[in-house]
Amino acid sequence: MNNLSRRRQMAAIAVLAGVILVIFLTVILAVVINSEKEEQTKESGGESLQTEDVTYASDFAEEPWETTPEPGAEEDSGPGSEAGEKSNSAQESGEALSEGASGPAGGSGEEPETAKESGEESGPASEPETESVPEPTLSQAELLLENMSTREKVCQLFVVFPSQVTGVSPVTKAGDLTRQGLANYPVGGFIYDKTNMVSREQVTEMLTTVQTYSKVPLILTCDEEGGRVNRLMSTVGTTYIDSMMSYRDQGPEKAAENAETIAGDLVSCGFNADLAPVADVWSNPENKVIGDRAYSDDFAQAATLVAAAVKGFHAGGVACTLKHFPGHGDTAADSHTGAAYVTKTLDELRSGELLSFQAGIDAGADMVMIGHLTVTDIEDVPALFSYRIVTQLLREEMGFDGVIITDSLQMKAVTDSYGSGQAAVLAVQAGVDILLCPANLEEAVGALLDAVETGVIPEERLNESVLRILRLKEEMGILQGENR
């Protein structure tokens, strides 16, 4: 019995020990499991934080591509650029690149750097730095144009005799009639002839005074070529220069010297432009209207001398005018008295008459005067009405971007077939900028106003010519109250 009882006690102790062991192991296992769960939770939380940081940095890096760069901005990219750097100046890159940006912007191929990995404090993405591009500064000519009425713009296209705005002739001083005339017709300029000249002092006072009457400074000009065509030399005693043909063999230096002398005398009297040099070539001995007014009867020599003369006029301080495009030296008729025809082909003109005009343009001539010449190979109308001659040939093919002016619209080559209003509209449609001395100023101004108001001449086309004229005045220095 004792042995049996002892065995039962031992068995009970063993069972109890087993139970205690199971409980202990269960507790240990629970602790271990809980510890592992906590570690997994921590690891899971860290991965979540890192993922959020990477996503945030990626969004931040892409932000500049969602922002439209300012016009003219340059991207800081390509060879030699560093991804991940942020420009502090719009002048350096024109676009602020965020830190961590890479790939398309820099082409580096580096992975985006997270705020955590870089050691920087994570926070909201800052907006890309941008700097607005300043508005372009308008020139004095552009500012004037913006503030002009349509009538003022139309009147700016005219250069006329002072008597055409005063209603009396001859005009030898600038007084109340001139002041009122310019108020009624604010023209672009005045041309003077011998009837306006009494003495050097009188001319200087007249021109100085007339400039004070005009809201927009005036082009003041005359035909001062030398030789038989002059306005000052034979009236008020400025330096006498003979016909240009008489100097042909003295070379370009003499041509430039003569032009500079003429220009200096013009400036001393108050003029700022000359309707010279003659770029026609005396290629037809029977031609009397040009004759010795030309620099030469040889195309190549004339081209060299005309280019030198342009530089001489500029050195003397005046704007100059090549005339009479596309070449009056081979005509048999005089356009002052009737229609004049040029029978050469365009290719013949290119290899002959046009050489001196091209040389003058290349030398910087300010204006080109269109002659009242009908070039039968191009179009059966006077050149000033021909878009093919004025715009396609002179403006586009020969590259002239200055002011295109007509010869006097009082000449019979025009008045025999065209009224003043019709001539003004047709010339502007062809591409002409300045209309010289229409037979009837009121009619010409009225026709252009009607043409603009009805859309026959778009306002943009009017603005083109006015801006060329104002830019010429700006380049001449007269908008600032001084000559070249």
Protein backbone atom coordinates (compact mmCIF):
# COMPACT_ATOMS: atom_id res chain seq x y z
CA MET A 1 0.00 0.00 0.00
CA ASN A 2 2.80 2.27 0.88
CA ASN A 3 4.54 1.63 -2.40
CA LEU A 4 1.34 2.25 -4.31
CA SER A 5 0.67 5.46 -2.49
CA ARG A 6 4.17 6.66 -3.08
CA ARG A 7 3.88 5.96 -6.80
CA ARG A 8 0.64 7.92 -7.01
CA GLN A 9 2.24 10.87 -5.27
CA MET A 10 5.15 10.82 -7.72
CA ALA A 11 2.78 10.67 -10.67
CA ALA A 12 0.79 13.60 -9.33
CA ILE A 13 3.96 15.61 -8.88
CA ALA A 14 5.07 14.76 -12.41
CA VAL A 15 1.72 15.86 -13.84
CA LEU A 16 1.85 19.05 -11.84
CA ALA A 17 5.39 19.73 -13.01
CA GLY A 18 4.32 19.12 -16.61
CA VAL A 19 1.45 21.53 -16.23
CA ILE A 20 3.74 24.16 -14.74
CA LEU A 21 6.24 23.59 -17.57
CA VAL A 22 3.51 23.95 -20.19
CA ILE A 23 2.30 27.15 -18.58
CA PHE A 24 5.84 28.51 -18.42
CA LEU A 25 6.54 27.60 -22.02
CA THR A 26 3.23 29.16 -23.07
CA VAL A 27 4.11 32.39 -21.29
CA ILE A 28 7.58 32.42 -22.87
CA LEU A 29 6.11 31.72 -26.29
CA ALA A 30 3.57 34.51 -25.87
CA VAL A 31 6.30 36.95 -24.88
CA VAL A 32 8.39 35.93 -27.87
CA ILE A 33 5.41 36.23 -30.23
CA ASN A 34 4.49 39.64 -28.84
CA SER A 35 8.10 40.77 -29.19
CA GLU A 36 8.23 39.63 -32.79
CA LYS A 37 4.94 41.37 -33.53
CA GLU A 38 6.22 44.60 -32.02
CA GLU A 39 9.39 44.35 -34.11
CA GLN A 40 7.37 43.67 -37.22
CA THR A 41 5.13 46.61 -36.39
CA LYS A 42 8.16 48.84 -35.97
CA GLU A 43 9.68 47.62 -39.21
CA SER A 44 6.36 47.99 -41.00
CA GLY A 45 5.96 51.51 -39.64
CA GLY A 46 9.48 52.48 -40.76
CA GLU A 47 8.89 51.14 -44.25
CA SER A 48 5.63 53.07 -44.44
CA LEU A 49 7.37 56.28 -43.40
CA GLN A 50 10.13 55.77 -45.94
CA THR A 51 7.63 55.03 -48.68
CA GLU A 52 5.74 58.19 -47.86
CA ASP A 53 8.99 60.18 -47.94
CA VAL A 54 9.97 58.80 -51.33
CA THR A 55 6.56 59.49 -52.75
CA TYR A 56 6.61 63.01 -51.36
CA ALA A 57 10.05 63.73 -52.77
CA SER A 58 9.03 62.36 -56.14
CA ASP A 59 5.99 64.59 -56.26
CA PHE A 60 8.15 67.54 -55.24
CA ALA A 61 10.67 66.81 -58.00
CA GLU A 62 8.01 66.74 -60.67
CA GLU A 63 6.39 70.00 -59.67
CA PRO A 64 8.48 72.29 -61.94
CA TRP A 65 7.36 70.34 -65.01
CA GLU A 66 3.76 71.13 -64.11
CA THR A 67 4.57 74.85 -64.00
CA THR A 68 4.64 76.63 -67.34
CA PRO A 69 7.98 78.46 -67.62
CA GLU A 70 7.99 82.18 -68.37
CA PRO A 71 8.46 83.13 -72.06
CA GLY A 72 12.09 83.15 -73.03
CA ALA A 73 13.08 80.98 -70.01
CA GLU A 74 15.94 78.56 -70.61
CA GLU A 75 16.02 75.14 -68.98
CA ASP A 76 19.19 74.31 -67.06
CA SER A 77 19.71 70.91 -68.63
CA GLY A 78 21.92 68.85 -70.85
CA PRO A 79 25.65 68.13 -70.52
CA GLY A 80 27.31 69.86 -67.62
CA SER A 81 24.17 70.46 -65.55
CA GLU A 82 23.71 68.95 -62.04
CA ALA A 83 20.42 67.29 -61.08
CA GLY A 84 19.25 68.02 -57.57
CA GLU A 85 20.44 71.64 -57.53
CA LYS A 86 17.93 74.46 -57.32
CA SER A 87 18.59 77.69 -59.24
CA ASN A 88 18.42 80.78 -57.03
CA SER A 89 18.27 83.16 -59.98
CA ALA A 90 15.83 83.31 -62.88
CA GLN A 91 18.66 84.83 -64.92
CA GLU A 92 20.68 81.60 -64.58
CA SER A 93 18.05 79.15 -65.73
CA GLY A 94 14.77 81.01 -66.20
CA GLU A 95 13.09 78.23 -64.16
CA ALA A 96 13.48 77.22 -60.47
CA LEU A 97 14.27 73.50 -60.25
CA SER A 98 13.30 71.76 -56.96
CA GLU A 99 15.82 69.73 -54.94
CA GLY A 100 15.76 66.05 -55.80
CA ALA A 101 14.58 66.60 -59.40
CA SER A 102 16.33 64.35 -61.87
CA GLY A 103 15.77 62.32 -64.99
CA PRO A 104 14.27 64.40 -67.85
CA ALA A 105 15.34 67.73 -66.38
CA GLY A 106 19.01 66.97 -65.85
CA GLY A 107 19.49 63.74 -67.72
CA SER A 108 21.62 62.36 -64.83
CA GLY A 109 19.67 59.14 -64.20
CA GLU A 110 20.14 59.42 -60.38
CA GLU A 111 17.39 58.24 -58.03
CA PRO A 112 15.41 60.95 -56.23
CA GLU A 113 16.92 61.77 -52.83
CA THR A 114 14.37 61.60 -50.01
CA ALA A 115 14.29 64.11 -47.22
CA LYS A 116 15.13 61.33 -44.75
CA GLU A 117 18.10 60.02 -46.77
CA SER A 118 19.58 63.46 -47.28
CA GLY A 119 19.33 64.30 -43.64
CA GLU A 120 17.08 67.25 -44.36
CA GLU A 121 13.91 67.94 -42.46
CA SER A 122 10.86 66.70 -44.30
CA GLY A 123 8.24 69.34 -44.94
CA PRO A 124 5.86 70.81 -47.49
CA ALA A 125 7.24 71.39 -51.00
CA SER A 126 8.03 75.03 -51.76
CA GLU A 127 6.64 76.65 -54.90
CA PRO A 128 9.13 76.93 -57.84
CA GLU A 129 10.74 80.34 -57.97
CA THR A 130 9.75 82.28 -61.10
CA GLU A 131 10.46 85.76 -62.28
CA SER A 132 8.18 87.54 -64.70
CA VAL A 133 9.71 88.73 -67.95
CA PRO A 134 9.51 92.54 -68.14
CA GLU A 135 7.48 94.12 -70.90
CA PRO A 136 9.68 95.19 -73.84
CA THR A 137 10.44 98.89 -73.83
CA LEU A 138 8.75 100.74 -76.67
CA SER A 139 10.85 103.00 -78.85
CA GLN A 140 10.03 106.67 -79.15
CA ALA A 141 8.58 106.01 -82.61
CA GLU A 142 6.32 103.23 -81.28
CA LEU A 143 5.12 105.40 -78.41
CA LEU A 144 4.23 108.20 -80.81
CA LEU A 145 2.36 105.82 -83.09
CA GLU A 146 0.29 104.44 -80.20
CA ASN A 147 -1.00 107.92 -79.38
CA MET A 148 -1.85 109.09 -82.91
CA SER A 149 -5.35 109.32 -84.32
CA THR A 150 -6.13 107.83 -87.74
CA ARG A 151 -6.13 111.30 -89.29
CA GLU A 152 -2.75 112.12 -87.77
CA LYS A 153 -1.37 108.85 -89.12
CA VAL A 154 -2.71 109.57 -92.63
CA CYS A 155 -1.30 113.10 -92.64
CA GLN A 156 2.09 111.76 -91.56
CA LEU A 157 2.33 110.09 -94.99
CA PHE A 158 2.56 113.45 -96.77
CA VAL A 159 5.53 115.70 -97.49
CA VAL A 160 4.25 118.85 -99.18
CA PHE A 161 5.12 122.42 -100.09
CA PRO A 162 4.34 124.77 -97.18
CA SER A 163 1.95 126.65 -99.46
CA GLN A 164 -0.22 123.52 -99.59
CA VAL A 165 -1.18 123.96 -95.92
CA THR A 166 -1.07 127.79 -95.72
CA GLY A 167 -3.04 128.49 -98.89
CA VAL A 168 -0.67 131.31 -99.90
CA SER A 169 2.46 131.40 -102.03
CA PRO A 170 5.34 131.98 -101.85
CA VAL A 171 6.02 131.10 -98.21
CA THR A 172 9.18 132.81 -96.95
CA LYS A 173 8.53 132.69 -93.22
CA ALA A 174 6.79 130.51 -90.68
CA GLY A 175 3.93 132.46 -89.11
CA ASP A 176 0.35 132.03 -87.97
CA LEU A 177 -0.80 130.64 -91.33
CA THR A 178 1.82 127.90 -91.12
CA ARG A 179 0.91 127.16 -87.52
CA GLN A 180 -2.78 126.86 -88.35
CA GLY A 181 -2.04 124.89 -91.51
CA LEU A 182 -0.10 122.28 -89.53
CA ALA A 183 -2.92 122.07 -87.00
CA ASN A 184 -5.35 121.26 -89.84
CA TYR A 185 -2.94 119.00 -91.74
CA PRO A 186 -0.23 117.59 -89.42
CA VAL A 187 1.89 116.40 -92.33
CA GLY A 188 5.10 114.43 -92.06
CA GLY A 189 7.27 117.10 -93.61
CA PHE A 190 7.82 120.08 -95.90
CA ILE A 191 9.75 120.36 -99.16
CA TYR A 192 11.09 123.79 -100.17
CA ASP A 193 12.06 125.19 -103.55
CA LYS A 194 13.76 128.37 -104.77
CA THR A 195 10.62 130.48 -104.23
CA ASN A 196 11.01 129.94 -100.48
CA MET A 197 14.65 131.11 -100.37
CA VAL A 198 15.59 134.75 -99.79
CA SER A 199 18.72 134.63 -97.66
CA ARG A 200 20.58 132.13 -95.55
CA GLU A 201 19.43 133.80 -92.34
CA GLN A 202 15.82 133.91 -93.52
CA VAL A 203 15.83 130.21 -94.44
CA THR A 204 17.39 129.23 -91.12
CA GLU A 205 14.85 131.24 -89.12
CA MET A 206 11.92 129.89 -91.18
CA LEU A 207 12.91 126.26 -90.71
CA THR A 208 13.82 126.64 -87.06
CA THR A 209 10.44 128.23 -86.34
CA VAL A 210 8.36 125.77 -88.34
CA GLN A 211 9.68 122.85 -86.31
CA THR A 212 8.21 124.43 -83.17
CA TYR A 213 4.73 124.38 -84.73
CA SER A 214 4.55 120.63 -85.33
CA LYS A 215 3.49 118.10 -82.71
CA VAL A 216 5.70 115.50 -84.44
CA PRO A 217 8.99 116.93 -85.76
CA LEU A 218 9.02 117.47 -89.52
CA ILE A 219 11.16 116.11 -92.32
CA LEU A 220 12.53 119.32 -93.91
CA THR A 221 13.96 118.68 -97.35
CA CYS A 222 14.66 119.99 -100.85
CA ASP A 223 16.29 118.91 -104.12
CA GLU A 224 19.94 119.79 -103.56
CA GLU A 225 21.85 117.61 -106.01
CA GLY A 226 24.49 119.99 -107.30
CA GLY A 227 24.84 121.44 -110.78
CA ARG A 228 21.63 122.51 -112.49
CA VAL A 229 19.39 121.02 -109.81
CA ASN A 230 19.89 122.98 -106.61
CA ARG A 231 17.77 125.11 -104.30
CA LEU A 232 20.29 126.78 -101.99
CA MET A 233 23.50 127.16 -103.98
CA SER A 234 22.06 129.61 -106.49
CA THR A 235 19.80 131.50 -104.07
CA VAL A 236 21.41 131.90 -100.64
CA GLY A 237 25.03 131.27 -101.57
CA THR A 238 25.89 127.89 -100.07
CA THR A 239 28.94 126.03 -101.42
CA TYR A 240 28.61 125.49 -105.14
CA ILE A 241 29.02 121.89 -106.28
CA ASP A 242 28.87 121.15 -110.02
CA SER A 243 26.90 118.34 -111.65
CA MET A 244 27.83 114.88 -110.41
CA MET A 245 28.82 113.69 -113.86
CA SER A 246 31.66 116.25 -113.95
CA TYR A 247 33.34 114.49 -111.00
CA ARG A 248 32.94 110.92 -112.29
CA ASP A 249 36.67 110.33 -112.81
CA GLN A 250 37.72 111.69 -109.42
CA GLY A 251 36.61 108.56 -107.63
CA PRO A 252 34.44 107.68 -104.65
CA GLU A 253 36.41 109.92 -102.26
CA LYS A 254 35.31 112.99 -104.23
CA ALA A 255 31.72 111.74 -104.43
CA ALA A 256 31.67 111.36 -100.64
CA GLU A 257 33.32 114.76 -100.11
CA ASN A 258 30.79 116.55 -102.33
CA ALA A 259 27.88 114.88 -100.57
CA GLU A 260 29.24 115.77 -97.15
CA THR A 261 29.68 119.41 -98.20
CA ILE A 262 26.11 119.62 -99.51
CA ALA A 263 24.80 117.94 -96.36
CA GLY A 264 26.69 120.31 -94.07
CA ASP A 265 25.24 123.33 -95.83
CA LEU A 266 21.74 121.86 -95.60
CA VAL A 267 22.09 121.26 -91.86
CA SER A 268 23.41 124.78 -91.30
CA CYS A 269 20.15 126.13 -92.74
CA GLY A 270 17.86 123.80 -90.75
CA PHE A 271 17.26 120.97 -93.23
CA ASN A 272 17.51 117.35 -92.11
CA ALA A 273 17.07 115.45 -95.40
CA ASP A 274 18.05 115.74 -99.05
CA LEU A 275 16.28 114.35 -102.11
CA ALA A 276 19.61 113.14 -103.51
CA PRO A 277 21.73 111.37 -104.73
CA VAL A 278 20.54 110.57 -108.25
CA ALA A 279 21.10 106.83 -108.67
CA ASP A 280 20.02 106.82 -112.31
CA VAL A 281 22.67 105.96 -114.88
CA TRP A 282 22.89 108.07 -118.03
CA SER A 283 22.76 105.02 -120.26
CA ASN A 284 20.76 106.69 -123.03
CA PRO A 285 22.52 109.74 -124.56
CA GLU A 286 19.15 110.97 -125.83
CA ASN A 287 17.82 111.22 -122.29
CA LYS A 288 17.80 114.87 -121.20
CA VAL A 289 15.85 114.75 -117.94
CA ILE A 290 18.70 112.93 -116.17
CA GLY A 291 21.79 113.58 -118.26
CA ASP A 292 24.64 115.03 -116.20
CA ARG A 293 22.65 114.73 -112.98
CA ALA A 294 23.79 111.09 -112.95
CA TYR A 295 27.12 110.12 -111.38
CA SER A 296 28.15 108.16 -114.45
CA ASP A 297 27.08 106.58 -117.72
CA ASP A 298 28.67 103.31 -116.60
CA PHE A 299 26.65 100.99 -114.36
CA ALA A 300 29.51 99.67 -112.22
CA GLN A 301 31.11 103.11 -111.76
CA ALA A 302 27.79 104.69 -110.87
CA ALA A 303 27.22 102.02 -108.22
CA THR A 304 30.56 102.77 -106.56
CA LEU A 305 30.03 106.54 -106.60
CA VAL A 306 26.44 106.43 -105.37
CA ALA A 307 27.41 104.23 -102.40
CA ALA A 308 30.18 106.71 -101.52
CA ALA A 309 27.74 109.62 -101.78
CA VAL A 310 25.32 107.95 -99.34
CA LYS A 311 28.09 107.73 -96.77
CA GLY A 312 29.02 111.35 -97.44
CA PHE A 313 25.47 112.60 -96.85
CA HIS A 314 25.34 110.72 -93.57
CA ALA A 315 28.72 112.09 -92.52
CA GLY A 316 27.36 115.58 -93.18
CA GLY A 317 24.30 114.94 -91.02
CA VAL A 318 21.29 114.44 -93.32
CA ALA A 319 19.10 111.59 -94.47
CA CYS A 320 19.41 110.89 -98.19
CA THR A 321 17.23 109.59 -101.00
CA LEU A 322 18.10 107.36 -103.97
CA LYS A 323 16.16 108.39 -107.06
CA HIS A 324 14.41 107.61 -109.47
CA PHE A 325 13.73 103.87 -108.98
CA PRO A 326 13.90 101.62 -110.98
CA GLY A 327 16.00 103.90 -113.20
CA HIS A 328 15.15 106.97 -115.30
CA GLY A 329 18.41 107.17 -117.27
CA ASP A 330 17.39 105.11 -120.27
CA THR A 331 13.96 106.65 -120.95
CA ALA A 332 13.26 108.80 -123.97
CA ALA A 333 10.48 110.82 -122.30
CA ASP A 334 10.40 113.14 -119.28
CA SER A 335 7.88 112.10 -116.62
CA HIS A 336 7.41 115.76 -115.69
CA THR A 337 5.55 116.29 -118.94
CA GLY A 338 3.93 112.91 -119.59
CA ALA A 339 4.17 109.15 -119.39
CA ALA A 340 7.66 107.66 -119.45
CA TYR A 341 8.38 104.04 -120.33
CA VAL A 342 11.19 101.64 -119.51
CA THR A 343 11.36 98.92 -122.16
CA LYS A 344 14.14 96.78 -120.72
CA THR A 345 13.38 93.39 -119.24
CA LEU A 346 13.66 92.84 -115.50
CA ASP A 347 16.82 90.77 -116.00
CA GLU A 348 18.37 93.59 -118.01
CA LEU A 349 17.50 96.03 -115.21
CA ARG A 350 19.05 93.70 -112.63
CA SER A 351 22.34 93.66 -114.52
CA GLY A 352 22.28 97.39 -115.26
CA GLU A 353 20.10 100.14 -113.76
CA LEU A 354 19.42 98.40 -110.44
CA LEU A 355 23.13 98.03 -109.55
CA SER A 356 23.53 101.59 -108.31
CA PHE A 357 20.29 101.40 -106.31
CA GLN A 358 21.41 98.17 -104.69
CA ALA A 359 24.79 99.71 -103.85
CA GLY A 360 23.09 102.72 -102.28
CA ILE A 361 20.75 100.50 -100.27
CA ASP A 362 23.67 98.43 -99.05
CA ALA A 363 25.46 101.65 -98.04
CA GLY A 364 22.50 102.57 -95.81
CA ALA A 365 20.33 104.94 -97.87
CA ASP A 366 17.37 106.19 -95.83
CA MET A 367 14.80 106.64 -98.60
CA VAL A 368 14.20 105.47 -102.15
CA MET A 369 12.15 107.63 -104.51
CA ILE A 370 9.91 105.78 -106.96
CA GLY A 371 9.87 107.35 -110.41
CA HIS A 372 6.72 107.73 -112.50
CA LEU A 373 8.05 105.12 -114.89
CA THR A 374 6.08 102.35 -116.52
CA VAL A 375 8.21 99.19 -116.79
CA THR A 376 6.39 97.35 -119.54
CA ASP A 377 8.06 93.99 -118.81
CA ILE A 378 6.65 94.02 -115.27
CA GLU A 379 3.33 95.86 -115.20
CA ASP A 380 1.52 98.35 -117.40
CA VAL A 381 1.10 101.02 -114.71
CA PRO A 382 3.51 103.67 -113.34
CA ALA A 383 5.99 102.08 -110.93
CA LEU A 384 4.59 103.83 -107.84
CA PHE A 385 1.29 101.96 -108.35
CA SER A 386 2.92 98.57 -108.94
CA TYR A 387 3.01 96.16 -105.98
CA ARG A 388 5.39 93.98 -108.00
CA ILE A 389 7.90 96.83 -108.29
CA VAL A 390 7.48 98.61 -104.94
CA THR A 391 7.05 95.62 -102.64
CA GLN A 392 8.20 92.47 -104.43
CA LEU A 393 11.21 93.97 -106.23
CA LEU A 394 12.42 96.86 -104.05
CA ARG A 395 11.27 95.76 -100.62
CA GLU A 396 11.60 91.97 -100.83
CA GLU A 397 14.12 91.12 -103.54
CA MET A 398 16.50 94.03 -102.95
CA GLY A 399 16.01 94.06 -99.19
CA PHE A 400 15.17 97.72 -98.68
CA ASP A 401 13.46 98.28 -95.33
CA GLY A 402 13.62 102.07 -95.22
CA VAL A 403 11.14 104.71 -96.37
CA ILE A 404 9.78 104.59 -99.92
CA ILE A 405 8.71 108.00 -101.25
CA THR A 406 7.03 108.95 -104.53
CA ASP A 407 8.31 111.53 -106.94
CA SER A 408 6.11 114.65 -107.04
CA LEU A 409 2.50 113.67 -107.59
CA GLN A 410 1.96 116.93 -109.45
CA MET A 411 3.88 115.62 -112.46
CA LYS A 412 1.86 114.96 -115.61
CA ALA A 413 2.83 111.28 -115.74
CA VAL A 414 0.38 110.98 -112.81
CA THR A 415 -2.08 113.86 -113.14
CA ASP A 416 -2.92 113.09 -116.77
CA SER A 417 -4.50 109.78 -115.75
CA TYR A 418 -5.10 109.77 -111.99
CA GLY A 419 -6.86 112.00 -109.49
CA SER A 420 -5.13 112.93 -106.24
CA GLY A 421 -7.25 110.59 -104.11
CA GLN A 422 -6.92 107.65 -106.47
CA ALA A 423 -3.15 108.13 -106.77
CA ALA A 424 -2.74 108.25 -102.99
CA VAL A 425 -4.69 105.04 -102.38
CA LEU A 426 -3.03 103.09 -105.19
CA ALA A 427 0.46 104.12 -104.10
CA VAL A 428 -0.10 103.06 -100.48
CA GLN A 429 -1.62 99.76 -101.61
CA ALA A 430 1.52 99.16 -103.68
CA GLY A 431 3.72 99.68 -100.61
CA VAL A 432 4.71 103.36 -100.76
CA ASP A 433 5.25 105.19 -97.44
CA ILE A 434 5.48 108.93 -98.29
CA LEU A 435 3.36 110.76 -100.85
CA LEU A 436 5.19 113.81 -102.20
CA CYS A 437 3.15 116.90 -103.11
CA PRO A 438 -0.22 115.64 -104.32
CA ALA A 439 -2.02 118.04 -106.63
CA ASN A 440 -4.87 118.27 -104.11
CA LEU A 441 -3.87 117.59 -100.49
CA GLU A 442 -7.42 117.67 -99.12
CA GLU A 443 -8.62 115.14 -101.69
CA ALA A 444 -5.68 112.84 -101.10
CA VAL A 445 -6.06 112.89 -97.29
CA GLY A 446 -9.81 112.32 -97.55
CA ALA A 447 -9.42 109.37 -99.91
CA LEU A 448 -6.92 107.66 -97.60
CA LEU A 449 -9.15 108.22 -94.55
CA ASP A 450 -12.07 106.65 -96.40
CA ALA A 451 -9.89 103.74 -97.55
CA VAL A 452 -8.78 103.00 -93.99
CA GLU A 453 -12.26 103.36 -92.51
CA THR A 454 -13.76 100.99 -95.12
CA GLY A 455 -10.93 98.47 -94.92
CA VAL A 456 -9.67 99.04 -98.46
CA ILE A 457 -6.38 99.84 -96.74
CA PRO A 458 -6.08 97.90 -93.44
CA GLU A 459 -5.05 99.97 -90.43
CA GLU A 460 -2.09 97.61 -90.01
CA ARG A 461 -0.84 98.63 -93.45
CA LEU A 462 -1.17 102.32 -92.53
CA ASN A 463 0.71 101.70 -89.28
CA GLU A 464 3.59 100.03 -91.15
CA SER A 465 4.28 103.15 -93.19
CA VAL A 466 3.80 105.59 -90.31
CA LEU A 467 6.17 103.58 -88.13
CA ARG A 468 8.84 103.58 -90.87
CA ILE A 469 8.57 107.36 -91.12
CA LEU A 470 8.72 107.83 -87.35
CA ARG A 471 11.66 105.46 -87.08
CA LEU A 472 13.49 107.44 -89.74
CA LYS A 473 12.89 110.59 -87.73
CA GLU A 474 14.11 108.82 -84.62
CA GLU A 475 17.26 107.65 -86.40
CA MET A 476 17.82 111.15 -87.76
CA GLY A 477 17.71 112.47 -84.21
CA ILE A 478 14.93 114.96 -84.83
CA LEU A 479 12.56 113.34 -82.32
CA GLN A 480 15.14 114.37 -79.72
CA GLY A 481 15.53 117.81 -81.27
CA GLU A 482 18.84 117.26 -83.03
CA ASN A 483 20.09 116.12 -86.42
CA ARG A 484 22.27 113.06 -87.02
